[in-house]
C-alpha atoms as a PDB file:
ATOM      1  CA  UNK A   1     142.649  26.274 127.932  1.00  0.00           C
ATOM      2  CA  UNK A   2     143.823  24.411 124.747  1.00  0.00           C
ATOM      3  CA  UNK A   3     147.220  24.565 125.989  1.00  0.00           C
ATOM      4  CA  UNK A   4     146.410  23.358 129.355  1.00  0.00           C
ATOM      5  CA  UNK A   5     144.635  20.336 127.716  1.00  0.00           C
ATOM      6  CA  UNK A   6     147.734  19.748 125.418  1.00  0.00           C
ATOM      7  CA  UNK A   7     149.978  19.826 128.330  1.00  0.00           C
ATOM      8  CA  UNK A   8     147.939  17.399 130.357  1.00  0.00           C
ATOM      9  CA  UNK A   9     147.719  15.264 127.277  1.00  0.00           C
ATOM     10  CA  UNK A  10     151.483  15.105 127.237  1.00  0.00           C
ATOM     11  CA  UNK A  11     151.748  14.387 130.772  1.00  0.00           C
ATOM     12  CA  UNK A  12     149.258  11.410 130.492  1.00  0.00           C
ATOM     13  CA  UNK A  13     151.253  10.144 127.393  1.00  0.00           C
ATOM     14  CA  UNK A  14     154.454  10.186 129.520  1.00  0.00           C
ATOM     15  CA  UNK A  15     152.852   8.455 132.393  1.00  0.00           C
ATOM     16  CA  UNK A  16     151.351   5.678 130.023  1.00  0.00           C
ATOM     17  CA  UNK A  17     154.911   5.531 128.245  1.00  0.00           C
ATOM     18  CA  UNK A  18     156.464   4.481 131.713  1.00  0.00           C
ATOM     19  CA  UNK A  19     153.699   2.567 133.289  1.00  0.00           C
ATOM     20  CA  UNK A  20     151.909   0.707 130.382  1.00  0.00           C
ATOM     21  CA  UNK A  21     148.264   1.360 131.468  1.00  0.00           C
ATOM     22  CA  UNK A  22     146.041   3.454 133.861  1.00  0.00           C
ATOM     23  CA  UNK A  23     142.404   4.160 134.704  1.00  0.00           C
ATOM     24  CA  UNK A  24     141.106   7.654 135.003  1.00  0.00           C
ATOM     25  CA  UNK A  25     141.370   7.473 138.910  1.00  0.00           C
ATOM     26  CA  UNK A  26     145.091   6.333 138.808  1.00  0.00           C
ATOM     27  CA  UNK A  27     145.980   9.045 136.464  1.00  0.00           C
ATOM     28  CA  UNK A  28     144.048  11.625 138.472  1.00  0.00           C
ATOM     29  CA  UNK A  29     145.983  10.564 141.559  1.00  0.00           C
ATOM     30  CA  UNK A  30     149.290  10.531 140.136  1.00  0.00           C
ATOM     31  CA  UNK A  31     149.349  13.361 137.937  1.00  0.00           C
ATOM     32  CA  UNK A  32     147.282  15.519 140.447  1.00  0.00           C
ATOM     33  CA  UNK A  33     144.965  16.978 137.814  1.00  0.00           C
ATOM     34  CA  UNK A  34     141.116  17.096 138.354  1.00  0.00           C
ATOM     35  CA  UNK A  35     138.982  14.175 136.471  1.00  0.00           C
ATOM     36  CA  UNK A  36     137.841  16.703 134.043  1.00  0.00           C
ATOM     37  CA  UNK A  37     141.375  17.779 133.085  1.00  0.00           C
ATOM     38  CA  UNK A  38     142.386  13.901 132.695  1.00  0.00           C
ATOM     39  CA  UNK A  39     139.348  13.102 130.548  1.00  0.00           C
ATOM     40  CA  UNK A  40     140.023  16.247 128.221  1.00  0.00           C
ATOM     41  CA  UNK A  41     143.718  14.943 127.890  1.00  0.00           C
ATOM     42  CA  UNK A  42     142.570  11.492 127.175  1.00  0.00           C
ATOM     43  CA  UNK A  43     140.153  12.667 124.643  1.00  0.00           C
ATOM     44  CA  UNK A  44     142.916  14.658 122.949  1.00  0.00           C
ATOM     45  CA  UNK A  45     145.214  11.503 122.668  1.00  0.00           C
ATOM     46  CA  UNK A  46     142.047   9.368 121.631  1.00  0.00           C
ATOM     47  CA  UNK A  47     141.204  11.791 118.899  1.00  0.00           C
ATOM     48  CA  UNK A  48     144.940  11.515 117.581  1.00  0.00           C
ATOM     49  CA  UNK A  49     144.711   7.760 117.610  1.00  0.00           C
ATOM     50  CA  UNK A  50     147.354   7.186 120.451  1.00  0.00           C
ATOM     51  CA  UNK A  51     145.365   5.172 122.748  1.00  0.00           C
ATOM     52  CA  UNK A  52     143.780   1.802 122.979  1.00  0.00           C
ATOM     53  CA  UNK A  53     141.046   1.599 125.658  1.00  0.00           C
ATOM     54  CA  UNK A  54     140.113  -1.823 127.590  1.00  0.00           C
ATOM     55  CA  UNK A  55     137.432  -2.570 129.609  1.00  0.00           C
ATOM     56  CA  UNK A  56     137.986  -5.003 132.409  1.00  0.00           C
ATOM     57  CA  UNK A  57     135.020  -5.773 134.675  1.00  0.00           C
ATOM     58  CA  UNK A  58     133.672  -2.394 135.903  1.00  0.00           C
ATOM     59  CA  UNK A  59     137.159  -0.607 135.132  1.00  0.00           C
ATOM     60  CA  UNK A  60     138.490   1.125 131.964  1.00  0.00           C
ATOM     61  CA  UNK A  61     142.083   1.454 131.168  1.00  0.00           C
ATOM     62  CA  UNK A  62     143.941   3.261 128.923  1.00  0.00           C
ATOM     63  CA  UNK A  63     147.188   2.157 127.107  1.00  0.00           C
ATOM     64  CA  UNK A  64     149.194   3.778 124.377  1.00  0.00           C
ATOM     65  CA  UNK A  65     149.011   1.821 121.323  1.00  0.00           C
ATOM     66  CA  UNK A  66     151.806   0.798 119.087  1.00  0.00           C
ATOM     67  CA  UNK A  67     151.640   3.725 116.635  1.00  0.00           C
ATOM     68  CA  UNK A  68     152.369   6.383 119.453  1.00  0.00           C
ATOM     69  CA  UNK A  69     155.785   4.926 120.229  1.00  0.00           C
ATOM     70  CA  UNK A  70     158.087   8.009 120.597  1.00  0.00           C
ATOM     71  CA  UNK A  71     155.593  10.732 119.483  1.00  0.00           C
ATOM     72  CA  UNK A  72     154.442  12.212 122.716  1.00  0.00           C
ATOM     73  CA  UNK A  73     151.839  14.888 122.768  1.00  0.00           C
ATOM     74  CA  UNK A  74     151.824  18.514 123.849  1.00  0.00           C
ATOM     75  CA  UNK A  75     151.057  20.613 121.064  1.00  0.00           C
END
């Protein structure tokens, strides 16, 4: 399961690197994973300090922070 979460985290990282920001719903739709796997992947990236989290109105968006440039995540 850890390998799968790491793989999803890497997919999220790549998506955010190319698209700047996304909500959980957008990541679920674009990456074709369950909400649960997306949230686990986001947790992985957050724990590594690679995400900024922004709340706008009722939505939460995830953005790669400056320290995550060219690092990726899939280990």
